[in-house]
Amino acid sequence: MTTTTLSHTVYTHSVAKVMISIPDSLLERLDALARARQETRSGFLQRLAEREVKADIEQRRQELEELLGKATVRGGMGGDAARLIREDRESH
């Protein structure tokens, strides 16, 4: 379903509107960057958030591969892998 807002922004899928608090000085810098890239504030912040989420997923994937690699080096994927993953989870 297509939704048009009061500002004439068209959304082709469901979106949530959120209210967040940002210091004025940071908001000014964000707005300046968005304008320089010819993006809306919402589009700019959405892109930044998506990039951060993807980076977090990639970091977790790399950490898991590292843990599984250590388990393999130690002689197999059995209990060592499970123990290493459990230790990693408990350390956070």
PDB file of N, CA and C in Angstrom:
ATOM      1  N   MET A   1       0.841  -1.174   0.000  1.00  0.00           N
ATOM      2  CA  MET A   1       0.000   0.000   0.000  1.00  0.00           C
ATOM      3  C   MET A   1       0.888   1.240   0.000  1.00  0.00           C
ATOM      4  N   THR A   2       0.543   2.227  -0.801  1.00  0.00           N
ATOM      5  CA  THR A   2       1.297   3.468  -0.871  1.00  0.00           C
ATOM      6  C   THR A   2       0.659   4.489   0.054  1.00  0.00           C
ATOM      7  N   THR A   3       1.484   5.160   0.846  1.00  0.00           N
ATOM      8  CA  THR A   3       1.011   6.174   1.781  1.00  0.00           C
ATOM      9  C   THR A   3       1.699   7.491   1.472  1.00  0.00           C
ATOM     10  N   THR A   4       0.924   8.564   1.364  1.00  0.00           N
ATOM     11  CA  THR A   4       1.493   9.890   1.159  1.00  0.00           C
ATOM     12  C   THR A   4       1.312  10.678   2.444  1.00  0.00           C
ATOM     13  N   THR A   5       2.382  11.292   2.926  1.00  0.00           N
ATOM     14  CA  THR A   5       2.314  12.079   4.161  1.00  0.00           C
ATOM     15  C   THR A   5       2.018  13.528   3.821  1.00  0.00           C
ATOM     16  N   LEU A   6       1.848  14.355   4.849  1.00  0.00           N
ATOM     17  CA  LEU A   6       1.604  15.779   4.637  1.00  0.00           C
ATOM     18  C   LEU A   6       2.741  16.456   3.880  1.00  0.00           C
ATOM     19  N   SER A   7       3.953  15.942   4.041  1.00  0.00           N
ATOM     20  CA  SER A   7       5.099  16.539   3.348  1.00  0.00           C
ATOM     21  C   SER A   7       5.278  15.951   1.947  1.00  0.00           C
ATOM     22  N   HIS A   8       4.286  15.177   1.497  1.00  0.00           N
ATOM     23  CA  HIS A   8       4.290  14.568   0.166  1.00  0.00           C
ATOM     24  C   HIS A   8       5.349  13.480   0.002  1.00  0.00           C
ATOM     25  N   THR A   9       5.797  12.919   1.108  1.00  0.00           N
ATOM     26  CA  THR A   9       6.709  11.782   1.049  1.00  0.00           C
ATOM     27  C   THR A   9       5.886  10.539   0.780  1.00  0.00           C
ATOM     28  N   VAL A  10       6.321   9.722  -0.159  1.00  0.00           N
ATOM     29  CA  VAL A  10       5.586   8.515  -0.515  1.00  0.00           C
ATOM     30  C   VAL A  10       6.333   7.299   0.025  1.00  0.00           C
ATOM     31  N   TYR A  11       5.610   6.479   0.784  1.00  0.00           N
ATOM     32  CA  TYR A  11       6.159   5.239   1.319  1.00  0.00           C
ATOM     33  C   TYR A  11       5.447   4.080   0.644  1.00  0.00           C
ATOM     34  N   THR A  12       6.205   3.121   0.146  1.00  0.00           N
ATOM     35  CA  THR A  12       5.602   1.964  -0.512  1.00  0.00           C
ATOM     36  C   THR A  12       5.435   0.782   0.435  1.00  0.00           C
ATOM     37  N   HIS A  13       5.876   0.934   1.676  1.00  0.00           N
ATOM     38  CA  HIS A  13       5.732  -0.128   2.669  1.00  0.00           C
ATOM     39  C   HIS A  13       5.494   0.527   4.024  1.00  0.00           C
ATOM     40  N   SER A  14       5.170  -0.293   4.990  1.00  0.00           N
ATOM     41  CA  SER A  14       4.875   0.211   6.323  1.00  0.00           C
ATOM     42  C   SER A  14       6.123   0.821   6.967  1.00  0.00           C
ATOM     43  N   VAL A  15       5.980   1.999   7.526  1.00  0.00           N
ATOM     44  CA  VAL A  15       7.089   2.641   8.232  1.00  0.00           C
ATOM     45  C   VAL A  15       6.593   3.141   9.581  1.00  0.00           C
ATOM     46  N   ALA A  16       7.500   3.174  10.532  1.00  0.00           N
ATOM     47  CA  ALA A  16       7.181   3.691  11.858  1.00  0.00           C
ATOM     48  C   ALA A  16       7.756   5.092  11.979  1.00  0.00           C
ATOM     49  N   LYS A  17       7.050   5.945  12.650  1.00  0.00           N
ATOM     50  CA  LYS A  17       7.570   7.268  12.955  1.00  0.00           C
ATOM     51  C   LYS A  17       8.032   7.224  14.401  1.00  0.00           C
ATOM     52  N   VAL A  18       9.218   7.768  14.658  1.00  0.00           N
ATOM     53  CA  VAL A  18       9.774   7.751  16.000  1.00  0.00           C
ATOM     54  C   VAL A  18      10.166   9.158  16.407  1.00  0.00           C
ATOM     55  N   MET A  19      10.159   9.379  17.693  1.00  0.00           N
ATOM     56  CA  MET A  19      10.617  10.651  18.227  1.00  0.00           C
ATOM     57  C   MET A  19      11.893  10.367  19.016  1.00  0.00           C
ATOM     58  N   ILE A  20      12.965  11.063  18.678  1.00  0.00           N
ATOM     59  CA  ILE A  20      14.225  10.879  19.377  1.00  0.00           C
ATOM     60  C   ILE A  20      14.753  12.229  19.831  1.00  0.00           C
ATOM     61  N   SER A  21      15.628  12.206  20.807  1.00  0.00           N
ATOM     62  CA  SER A  21      16.243  13.436  21.305  1.00  0.00           C
ATOM     63  C   SER A  21      17.691  13.475  20.835  1.00  0.00           C
ATOM     64  N   ILE A  22      18.053  14.573  20.178  1.00  0.00           N
ATOM     65  CA  ILE A  22      19.407  14.778  19.670  1.00  0.00           C
ATOM     66  C   ILE A  22      19.812  16.197  20.030  1.00  0.00           C
ATOM     67  N   PRO A  23      21.009  16.387  20.561  1.00  0.00           N
ATOM     68  CA  PRO A  23      21.457  17.746  20.859  1.00  0.00           C
ATOM     69  C   PRO A  23      21.420  18.627  19.603  1.00  0.00           C
ATOM     70  N   ASP A  24      21.069  19.884  19.785  1.00  0.00           N
ATOM     71  CA  ASP A  24      20.933  20.805  18.655  1.00  0.00           C
ATOM     72  C   ASP A  24      22.178  20.846  17.782  1.00  0.00           C
ATOM     73  N   SER A  25      23.350  20.858  18.392  1.00  0.00           N
ATOM     74  CA  SER A  25      24.581  20.952  17.602  1.00  0.00           C
ATOM     75  C   SER A  25      24.772  19.728  16.709  1.00  0.00           C
ATOM     76  N   LEU A  26      24.424  18.559  17.209  1.00  0.00           N
ATOM     77  CA  LEU A  26      24.526  17.339  16.399  1.00  0.00           C
ATOM     78  C   LEU A  26      23.488  17.359  15.283  1.00  0.00           C
ATOM     79  N   LEU A  27      22.279  17.791  15.607  1.00  0.00           N
ATOM     80  CA  LEU A  27      21.230  17.853  14.589  1.00  0.00           C
ATOM     81  C   LEU A  27      21.610  18.804  13.462  1.00  0.00           C
ATOM     82  N   GLU A  28      22.215  19.916  13.803  1.00  0.00           N
ATOM     83  CA  GLU A  28      22.668  20.863  12.775  1.00  0.00           C
ATOM     84  C   GLU A  28      23.693  20.207  11.856  1.00  0.00           C
ATOM     85  N   ARG A  29      24.615  19.449  12.437  1.00  0.00           N
ATOM     86  CA  ARG A  29      25.638  18.779  11.617  1.00  0.00           C
ATOM     87  C   ARG A  29      25.015  17.679  10.758  1.00  0.00           C
ATOM     88  N   LEU A  30      24.068  16.929  11.324  1.00  0.00           N
ATOM     89  CA  LEU A  30      23.375  15.895  10.560  1.00  0.00           C
ATOM     90  C   LEU A  30      22.614  16.508   9.387  1.00  0.00           C
ATOM     91  N   ASP A  31      21.898  17.591   9.655  1.00  0.00           N
ATOM     92  CA  ASP A  31      21.142  18.257   8.595  1.00  0.00           C
ATOM     93  C   ASP A  31      22.065  18.785   7.499  1.00  0.00           C
ATOM     94  N   ALA A  32      23.212  19.330   7.889  1.00  0.00           N
ATOM     95  CA  ALA A  32      24.164  19.845   6.903  1.00  0.00           C
ATOM     96  C   ALA A  32      24.676  18.707   6.018  1.00  0.00           C
ATOM     97  N   LEU A  33      24.992  17.567   6.628  1.00  0.00           N
ATOM     98  CA  LEU A  33      25.455  16.427   5.845  1.00  0.00           C
ATOM     99  C   LEU A  33      24.365  15.899   4.919  1.00  0.00           C
ATOM    100  N   ALA A  34      23.148  15.827   5.424  1.00  0.00           N
ATOM    101  CA  ALA A  34      22.033  15.355   4.597  1.00  0.00           C
ATOM    102  C   ALA A  34      21.831  16.287   3.404  1.00  0.00           C
ATOM    103  N   ARG A  35      21.839  17.584   3.639  1.00  0.00           N
ATOM    104  CA  ARG A  35      21.695  18.549   2.533  1.00  0.00           C
ATOM    105  C   ARG A  35      22.827  18.393   1.526  1.00  0.00           C
ATOM    106  N   ALA A  36      24.053  18.254   2.011  1.00  0.00           N
ATOM    107  CA  ALA A  36      25.209  18.113   1.121  1.00  0.00           C
ATOM    108  C   ALA A  36      25.081  16.867   0.243  1.00  0.00           C
ATOM    109  N   ARG A  37      24.415  15.845   0.749  1.00  0.00           N
ATOM    110  CA  ARG A  37      24.223  14.604  -0.008  1.00  0.00           C
ATOM    111  C   ARG A  37      22.868  14.582  -0.715  1.00  0.00           C
ATOM    112  N   GLN A  38      22.164  15.684  -0.626  1.00  0.00           N
ATOM    113  CA  GLN A  38      20.836  15.832  -1.238  1.00  0.00           C
ATOM    114  C   GLN A  38      19.878  14.731  -0.777  1.00  0.00           C
ATOM    115  N   GLU A  39      19.884  14.504   0.536  1.00  0.00           N
ATOM    116  CA  GLU A  39      19.000  13.531   1.159  1.00  0.00           C
ATOM    117  C   GLU A  39      18.097  14.249   2.151  1.00  0.00           C
ATOM    118  N   THR A  40      16.996  13.614   2.475  1.00  0.00           N
ATOM    119  CA  THR A  40      16.186  14.115   3.572  1.00  0.00           C
ATOM    120  C   THR A  40      16.846  13.715   4.882  1.00  0.00           C
ATOM    121  N   ARG A  41      16.469  14.384   5.947  1.00  0.00           N
ATOM    122  CA  ARG A  41      16.984  14.006   7.261  1.00  0.00           C
ATOM    123  C   ARG A  41      16.626  12.555   7.564  1.00  0.00           C
ATOM    124  N   SER A  42      15.371  12.188   7.311  1.00  0.00           N
ATOM    125  CA  SER A  42      14.935  10.811   7.584  1.00  0.00           C
ATOM    126  C   SER A  42      15.713   9.807   6.764  1.00  0.00           C
ATOM    127  N   GLY A  43      15.887  10.086   5.488  1.00  0.00           N
ATOM    128  CA  GLY A  43      16.628   9.174   4.629  1.00  0.00           C
ATOM    129  C   GLY A  43      18.070   9.029   5.066  1.00  0.00           C
ATOM    130  N   PHE A  44      18.675  10.145   5.444  1.00  0.00           N
ATOM    131  CA  PHE A  44      20.062  10.133   5.905  1.00  0.00           C
ATOM    132  C   PHE A  44      20.200   9.306   7.178  1.00  0.00           C
ATOM    133  N   LEU A  45      19.329   9.553   8.162  1.00  0.00           N
ATOM    134  CA  LEU A  45      19.390   8.808   9.422  1.00  0.00           C
ATOM    135  C   LEU A  45      19.069   7.331   9.213  1.00  0.00           C
ATOM    136  N   GLN A  46      18.151   7.039   8.307  1.00  0.00           N
ATOM    137  CA  GLN A  46      17.822   5.644   8.010  1.00  0.00           C
ATOM    138  C   GLN A  46      19.033   4.942   7.421  1.00  0.00           C
ATOM    139  N   ARG A  47      19.737   5.594   6.501  1.00  0.00           N
ATOM    140  CA  ARG A  47      20.924   5.007   5.888  1.00  0.00           C
ATOM    141  C   ARG A  47      22.022   4.769   6.930  1.00  0.00           C
ATOM    142  N   LEU A  48      22.216   5.740   7.832  1.00  0.00           N
ATOM    143  CA  LEU A  48      23.222   5.568   8.891  1.00  0.00           C
ATOM    144  C   LEU A  48      22.865   4.406   9.814  1.00  0.00           C
ATOM    145  N   ALA A  49      21.594   4.315  10.181  1.00  0.00           N
ATOM    146  CA  ALA A  49      21.157   3.229  11.068  1.00  0.00           C
ATOM    147  C   ALA A  49      21.330   1.876  10.391  1.00  0.00           C
ATOM    148  N   GLU A  50      20.969   1.785   9.125  1.00  0.00           N
ATOM    149  CA  GLU A  50      21.110   0.526   8.389  1.00  0.00           C
ATOM    150  C   GLU A  50      22.578   0.117   8.301  1.00  0.00           C
ATOM    151  N   ARG A  51      23.451   1.077   8.052  1.00  0.00           N
ATOM    152  CA  ARG A  51      24.884   0.787   7.973  1.00  0.00           C
ATOM    153  C   ARG A  51      25.404   0.271   9.319  1.00  0.00           C
ATOM    154  N   GLU A  52      24.954   0.869  10.414  1.00  0.00           N
ATOM    155  CA  GLU A  52      25.402   0.452  11.743  1.00  0.00           C
ATOM    156  C   GLU A  52      24.903  -0.950  12.078  1.00  0.00           C
ATOM    157  N   VAL A  53      23.658  -1.241  11.737  1.00  0.00           N
ATOM    158  CA  VAL A  53      23.099  -2.576  11.996  1.00  0.00           C
ATOM    159  C   VAL A  53      23.860  -3.624  11.190  1.00  0.00           C
ATOM    160  N   LYS A  54      24.129  -3.335   9.917  1.00  0.00           N
ATOM    161  CA  LYS A  54      24.884  -4.283   9.093  1.00  0.00           C
ATOM    162  C   LYS A  54      26.294  -4.495   9.644  1.00  0.00           C
ATOM    163  N   ALA A  55      26.933  -3.435  10.102  1.00  0.00           N
ATOM    164  CA  ALA A  55      28.284  -3.548  10.672  1.00  0.00           C
ATOM    165  C   ALA A  55      28.263  -4.425  11.924  1.00  0.00           C
ATOM    166  N   ASP A  56      27.229  -4.273  12.756  1.00  0.00           N
ATOM    167  CA  ASP A  56      27.114  -5.092  13.965  1.00  0.00           C
ATOM    168  C   ASP A  56      26.925  -6.562  13.613  1.00  0.00           C
ATOM    169  N   ILE A  57      26.082  -6.835  12.633  1.00  0.00           N
ATOM    170  CA  ILE A  57      25.857  -8.220  12.198  1.00  0.00           C
ATOM    171  C   ILE A  57      27.154  -8.818  11.668  1.00  0.00           C
ATOM    172  N   GLU A  58      27.889  -8.056  10.875  1.00  0.00           N
ATOM    173  CA  GLU A  58      29.152  -8.538  10.322  1.00  0.00           C
ATOM    174  C   GLU A  58      30.166  -8.803  11.429  1.00  0.00           C
ATOM    175  N   GLN A  59      30.234  -7.928  12.415  1.00  0.00           N
ATOM    176  CA  GLN A  59      31.169  -8.123  13.522  1.00  0.00           C
ATOM    177  C   GLN A  59      30.828  -9.399  14.287  1.00  0.00           C
ATOM    178  N   ARG A  60      29.545  -9.611  14.567  1.00  0.00           N
ATOM    179  CA  ARG A  60      29.129 -10.829  15.274  1.00  0.00           C
ATOM    180  C   ARG A  60      29.442 -12.085  14.460  1.00  0.00           C
ATOM    181  N   ARG A  61      29.252 -12.007  13.131  1.00  0.00           N
ATOM    182  CA  ARG A  61      29.558 -13.138  12.261  1.00  0.00           C
ATOM    183  C   ARG A  61      31.050 -13.460  12.324  1.00  0.00           C
ATOM    184  N   GLN A  62      31.882 -12.423  12.259  1.00  0.00           N
ATOM    185  CA  GLN A  62      33.327 -12.633  12.326  1.00  0.00           C
ATOM    186  C   GLN A  62      33.748 -13.221  13.671  1.00  0.00           C
ATOM    187  N   GLU A  63      33.137 -12.733  14.758  1.00  0.00           N
ATOM    188  CA  GLU A  63      33.459 -13.270  16.081  1.00  0.00           C
ATOM    189  C   GLU A  63      33.078 -14.750  16.174  1.00  0.00           C
ATOM    190  N   LEU A  64      31.921 -15.098  15.627  1.00  0.00           N
ATOM    191  CA  LEU A  64      31.483 -16.493  15.653  1.00  0.00           C
ATOM    192  C   LEU A  64      32.424 -17.363  14.830  1.00  0.00           C
ATOM    193  N   GLU A  65      32.814 -16.888  13.647  1.00  0.00           N
ATOM    194  CA  GLU A  65      33.753 -17.653  12.820  1.00  0.00           C
ATOM    195  C   GLU A  65      35.084 -17.834  13.544  1.00  0.00           C
ATOM    196  N   GLU A  66      35.523 -16.800  14.252  1.00  0.00           N
ATOM    197  CA  GLU A  66      36.764 -16.902  15.009  1.00  0.00           C
ATOM    198  C   GLU A  66      36.636 -17.949  16.117  1.00  0.00           C
ATOM    199  N   LEU A  67      35.518 -17.923  16.826  1.00  0.00           N
ATOM    200  CA  LEU A  67      35.303 -18.918  17.883  1.00  0.00           C
ATOM    201  C   LEU A  67      35.252 -20.330  17.308  1.00  0.00           C
ATOM    202  N   LEU A  68      34.574 -20.485  16.196  1.00  0.00           N
ATOM    203  CA  LEU A  68      34.496 -21.814  15.584  1.00  0.00           C
ATOM    204  C   LEU A  68      35.857 -22.246  15.058  1.00  0.00           C
ATOM    205  N   GLY A  69      36.644 -21.309  14.566  1.00  0.00           N
ATOM    206  CA  GLY A  69      37.995 -21.616  14.113  1.00  0.00           C
ATOM    207  C   GLY A  69      38.866 -22.084  15.256  1.00  0.00           C
ATOM    208  N   LYS A  70      38.745 -21.433  16.410  1.00  0.00           N
ATOM    209  CA  LYS A  70      39.511 -21.854  17.595  1.00  0.00           C
ATOM    210  C   LYS A  70      39.115 -23.257  18.008  1.00  0.00           C
ATOM    211  N   ALA A  71      37.831 -23.555  17.928  1.00  0.00           N
ATOM    212  CA  ALA A  71      37.368 -24.884  18.322  1.00  0.00           C
ATOM    213  C   ALA A  71      37.926 -25.938  17.385  1.00  0.00           C
ATOM    214  N   THR A  72      37.994 -25.623  16.101  1.00  0.00           N
ATOM    215  CA  THR A  72      38.516 -26.569  15.126  1.00  0.00           C
ATOM    216  C   THR A  72      39.997 -26.823  15.376  1.00  0.00           C
ATOM    217  N   VAL A  73      40.749 -25.762  15.660  1.00  0.00           N
ATOM    218  CA  VAL A  73      42.178 -25.884  15.930  1.00  0.00           C
ATOM    219  C   VAL A  73      42.413 -26.735  17.170  1.00  0.00           C
ATOM    220  N   ARG A  74      41.509 -26.648  18.138  1.00  0.00           N
ATOM    221  CA  ARG A  74      41.667 -27.387  19.395  1.00  0.00           C
ATOM    222  C   ARG A  74      41.254 -28.851  19.276  1.00  0.00           C
ATOM    223  N   GLY A  75      40.835 -29.255  18.101  1.00  0.00           N
ATOM    224  CA  GLY A  75      40.598 -30.685  17.946  1.00  0.00           C
ATOM    225  C   GLY A  75      39.171 -31.090  17.682  1.00  0.00           C
ATOM    226  N   GLY A  76      38.390 -30.269  17.068  1.00  0.00           N
ATOM    227  CA  GLY A  76      37.057 -30.702  16.691  1.00  0.00           C
ATOM    228  C   GLY A  76      36.006 -29.671  16.978  1.00  0.00           C
ATOM    229  N   MET A  77      34.817 -29.951  16.499  1.00  0.00           N
ATOM    230  CA  MET A  77      33.720 -29.015  16.618  1.00  0.00           C
ATOM    231  C   MET A  77      32.774 -29.359  17.759  1.00  0.00           C
ATOM    232  N   GLY A  78      33.022 -30.394  18.483  1.00  0.00           N
ATOM    233  CA  GLY A  78      32.095 -30.853  19.507  1.00  0.00           C
ATOM    234  C   GLY A  78      31.906 -29.886  20.652  1.00  0.00           C
ATOM    235  N   GLY A  79      32.253 -30.341  21.847  1.00  0.00           N
ATOM    236  CA  GLY A  79      32.030 -29.573  23.056  1.00  0.00           C
ATOM    237  C   GLY A  79      32.815 -28.277  23.103  1.00  0.00           C
ATOM    238  N   ASP A  80      34.001 -28.238  22.498  1.00  0.00           N
ATOM    239  CA  ASP A  80      34.809 -27.021  22.523  1.00  0.00           C
ATOM    240  C   ASP A  80      34.071 -25.844  21.887  1.00  0.00           C
ATOM    241  N   ALA A  81      33.445 -26.073  20.755  1.00  0.00           N
ATOM    242  CA  ALA A  81      32.739 -24.985  20.078  1.00  0.00           C
ATOM    243  C   ALA A  81      31.603 -24.472  20.952  1.00  0.00           C
ATOM    244  N   ALA A  82      30.831 -25.381  21.501  1.00  0.00           N
ATOM    245  CA  ALA A  82      29.713 -24.979  22.360  1.00  0.00           C
ATOM    246  C   ALA A  82      30.220 -24.232  23.586  1.00  0.00           C
ATOM    247  N   ARG A  83      31.301 -24.718  24.174  1.00  0.00           N
ATOM    248  CA  ARG A  83      31.865 -24.062  25.358  1.00  0.00           C
ATOM    249  C   ARG A  83      32.380 -22.672  25.012  1.00  0.00           C
ATOM    250  N   LEU A  84      33.074 -22.543  23.891  1.00  0.00           N
ATOM    251  CA  LEU A  84      33.607 -21.239  23.495  1.00  0.00           C
ATOM    252  C   LEU A  84      32.491 -20.233  23.222  1.00  0.00           C
ATOM    253  N   ILE A  85      31.461 -20.677  22.553  1.00  0.00           N
ATOM    254  CA  ILE A  85      30.335 -19.782  22.269  1.00  0.00           C
ATOM    255  C   ILE A  85      29.650 -19.380  23.569  1.00  0.00           C
ATOM    256  N   ARG A  86      29.458 -20.323  24.471  1.00  0.00           N
ATOM    257  CA  ARG A  86      28.845 -20.020  25.760  1.00  0.00           C
ATOM    258  C   ARG A  86      29.689 -19.017  26.530  1.00  0.00           C
ATOM    259  N   GLU A  87      31.005 -19.215  26.566  1.00  0.00           N
ATOM    260  CA  GLU A  87      31.899 -18.281  27.254  1.00  0.00           C
ATOM    261  C   GLU A  87      31.829 -16.891  26.640  1.00  0.00           C
ATOM    262  N   ASP A  88      31.754 -16.843  25.306  1.00  0.00           N
ATOM    263  CA  ASP A  88      31.660 -15.543  24.636  1.00  0.00           C
ATOM    264  C   ASP A  88      30.362 -14.832  24.992  1.00  0.00           C
ATOM    265  N   ARG A  89      29.253 -15.562  24.980  1.00  0.00           N
ATOM    266  CA  ARG A  89      27.966 -14.955  25.328  1.00  0.00           C
ATOM    267  C   ARG A  89      27.972 -14.417  26.757  1.00  0.00           C
ATOM    268  N   GLU A  90      28.558 -15.188  27.674  1.00  0.00           N
ATOM    269  CA  GLU A  90      28.587 -14.793  29.075  1.00  0.00           C
ATOM    270  C   GLU A  90      29.514 -13.612  29.323  1.00  0.00           C
ATOM    271  N   SER A  91      30.459 -13.381  28.424  1.00  0.00           N
ATOM    272  CA  SER A  91      31.408 -12.271  28.609  1.00  0.00           C
ATOM    273  C   SER A  91      30.816 -10.938  28.222  1.00  0.00           C
ATOM    274  N   HIS A  92      29.644 -10.911  27.545  1.00  0.00           N
ATOM    275  CA  HIS A  92      29.047  -9.638  27.091  1.00  0.00           C
ATOM    276  C   HIS A  92      28.023  -9.128  28.040  1.00  0.00           C
TER     277      HIS A  92
END
